[in-house]
C-alpha cells in the first residue's frame, strides 16, 4: 500500500461500461450511481444494493452480509435477519415450513 492510499486496487469506469452491465450507470449525468454487488466464487450475484448519491452505504451491514453468505455457503443453513456469527441459524427443510416464525427470533432494532 502506498502512503495515504487504499489497501486495494481502484479502477475507473469512464463511459460507464461496467456500470451499464450492472444497471447503475446514469447516462444523463455520465456517472455510476452508488451500487454494491456481492458475487459468490461461482460468479453469481447473491445480493445487490443501489442507493441514490445522497444516501451513504452501511459498511457494517455489508460485512455482516458477507459473513452470512459465507456461512450459508459453508453449512447450507439459513441466517435470519440481523444474524451475526455464533447466533442461531435456521435449518431449511419440510419441518420448517409454516413454522419459521417459531424458529426465527430476531432482536428489535427499534
Protein backbone atom coordinates (compact mmCIF):
# COMPACT_ATOMS: atom_id res chain seq x y z
CA UNK A 1 0.00 0.00 0.00
CA UNK A 2 1.25 3.46 -0.85
CA UNK A 3 1.21 6.03 1.96
CA UNK A 4 -2.21 7.65 2.03
CA UNK A 5 -3.58 5.12 -0.44
CA UNK A 6 -6.15 2.40 -0.13
CA UNK A 7 -5.23 -1.25 0.51
CA UNK A 8 -6.98 -2.50 -2.64
CA UNK A 9 -6.85 -1.71 -6.35
CA UNK A 10 -9.01 1.15 -7.63
CA UNK A 11 -10.45 1.19 -11.13
CA UNK A 12 -12.16 3.77 -13.29
CA UNK A 13 -15.28 3.20 -15.37
CA UNK A 14 -15.10 6.06 -17.83
CA UNK A 15 -18.00 5.76 -20.21
CA UNK A 16 -19.92 3.54 -17.76
CA UNK A 17 -19.29 0.20 -19.46
CA UNK A 18 -19.19 -1.75 -16.18
CA UNK A 19 -21.95 0.35 -14.60
CA UNK A 20 -24.18 -0.29 -17.60
CA UNK A 21 -23.78 -4.06 -17.22
CA UNK A 22 -24.86 -3.79 -13.56
CA UNK A 23 -27.61 -1.27 -14.26
CA UNK A 24 -26.12 1.57 -12.21
CA UNK A 25 -24.85 3.90 -14.92
CA UNK A 26 -26.69 7.22 -15.15
CA UNK A 27 -26.15 8.11 -18.80
CA UNK A 28 -27.57 11.63 -18.47
CA UNK A 29 -25.15 12.51 -15.66
CA UNK A 30 -22.30 10.41 -17.09
CA UNK A 31 -21.61 8.67 -13.76
CA UNK A 32 -22.33 5.45 -11.94
CA UNK A 33 -24.74 5.76 -9.03
CA UNK A 34 -23.99 4.03 -5.73
CA UNK A 35 -24.28 0.30 -6.14
CA UNK A 36 -22.75 -2.71 -4.47
CA UNK A 37 -22.92 -6.31 -5.55
CA UNK A 38 -21.95 -9.42 -3.60
CA UNK A 39 -20.78 -12.01 -6.08
CA UNK A 40 -20.02 -15.55 -4.94
CA UNK A 41 -16.99 -17.59 -6.03
CA UNK A 42 -19.09 -19.09 -8.83
CA UNK A 43 -19.72 -15.62 -10.29
CA UNK A 44 -23.38 -15.49 -9.21
CA UNK A 45 -24.74 -12.24 -7.77
CA UNK A 46 -26.08 -13.12 -4.31
CA UNK A 47 -27.02 -9.59 -3.20
CA UNK A 48 -27.17 -6.10 -4.56
CA UNK A 49 -27.98 -2.66 -3.24
CA UNK A 50 -28.41 0.54 -5.22
CA UNK A 51 -28.74 3.90 -3.48
CA UNK A 52 -29.03 7.46 -4.67
CA UNK A 53 -25.87 9.53 -4.14
CA UNK A 54 -27.44 11.40 -1.22
CA UNK A 55 -27.60 8.26 0.97
CA UNK A 56 -24.48 6.53 2.24
CA UNK A 57 -23.96 2.80 2.43
CA UNK A 58 -23.59 0.83 5.67
CA UNK A 59 -20.20 -0.90 5.71
CA UNK A 60 -21.04 -2.82 8.91
CA UNK A 61 -24.10 -4.32 7.20
CA UNK A 62 -22.03 -5.21 4.15
CA UNK A 63 -19.54 -7.10 6.34
CA UNK A 64 -22.40 -8.83 8.23
CA UNK A 65 -23.91 -9.95 4.94
CA UNK A 66 -20.57 -11.22 3.64
CA UNK A 67 -20.17 -13.33 6.78
CA UNK A 68 -23.75 -14.59 6.47
CA UNK A 69 -23.29 -15.58 2.81
CA UNK A 70 -20.05 -17.36 3.68
CA UNK A 71 -21.79 -19.24 6.50
CA UNK A 72 -24.70 -20.24 4.25
CA UNK A 73 -22.29 -21.46 1.57
CA UNK A 74 -20.26 -23.50 4.07
CA UNK A 75 -23.16 -25.01 6.04
CA UNK A 76 -26.33 -24.90 3.93
CA UNK A 77 -28.10 -23.28 6.88
CA UNK A 78 -30.14 -20.08 6.54
CA UNK A 79 -29.39 -16.94 8.52
CA UNK A 80 -32.21 -14.83 9.94
CA UNK A 81 -32.46 -11.06 9.78
CA UNK A 82 -29.60 -9.37 11.62
CA UNK A 83 -27.73 -12.67 12.05
CA UNK A 84 -24.21 -12.47 13.46
CA UNK A 85 -21.61 -15.26 13.62
CA UNK A 86 -22.32 -17.56 16.55
CA UNK A 87 -26.02 -16.70 16.65
CA UNK A 88 -28.73 -19.30 15.87
CA UNK A 89 -29.44 -20.23 12.26
CA UNK A 90 -32.32 -21.93 10.51
CA UNK A 91 -32.18 -25.44 9.10
CA UNK A 92 -34.13 -25.39 5.81
CA UNK A 93 -36.43 -28.36 5.26
CA UNK A 94 -40.01 -29.61 5.39
CA UNK A 95 -40.12 -29.38 9.20
CA UNK A 96 -39.59 -25.61 8.99
CA UNK A 97 -42.43 -24.95 6.57
CA UNK A 98 -45.12 -22.86 8.26
CA UNK A 99 -43.07 -22.68 11.47
CA UNK A 100 -40.41 -20.14 10.58
CA UNK A 101 -41.98 -17.66 12.99
CA UNK A 102 -41.33 -20.12 15.85
CA UNK A 103 -37.67 -20.64 14.98
CA UNK A 104 -36.81 -17.18 13.65
CA UNK A 105 -36.35 -14.97 16.67
CA UNK A 106 -34.87 -11.54 15.97
CA UNK A 107 -33.84 -8.74 18.24
CA UNK A 108 -35.66 -5.49 17.62
CA UNK A 109 -33.58 -2.73 16.11
CA UNK A 110 -36.03 -0.12 17.38
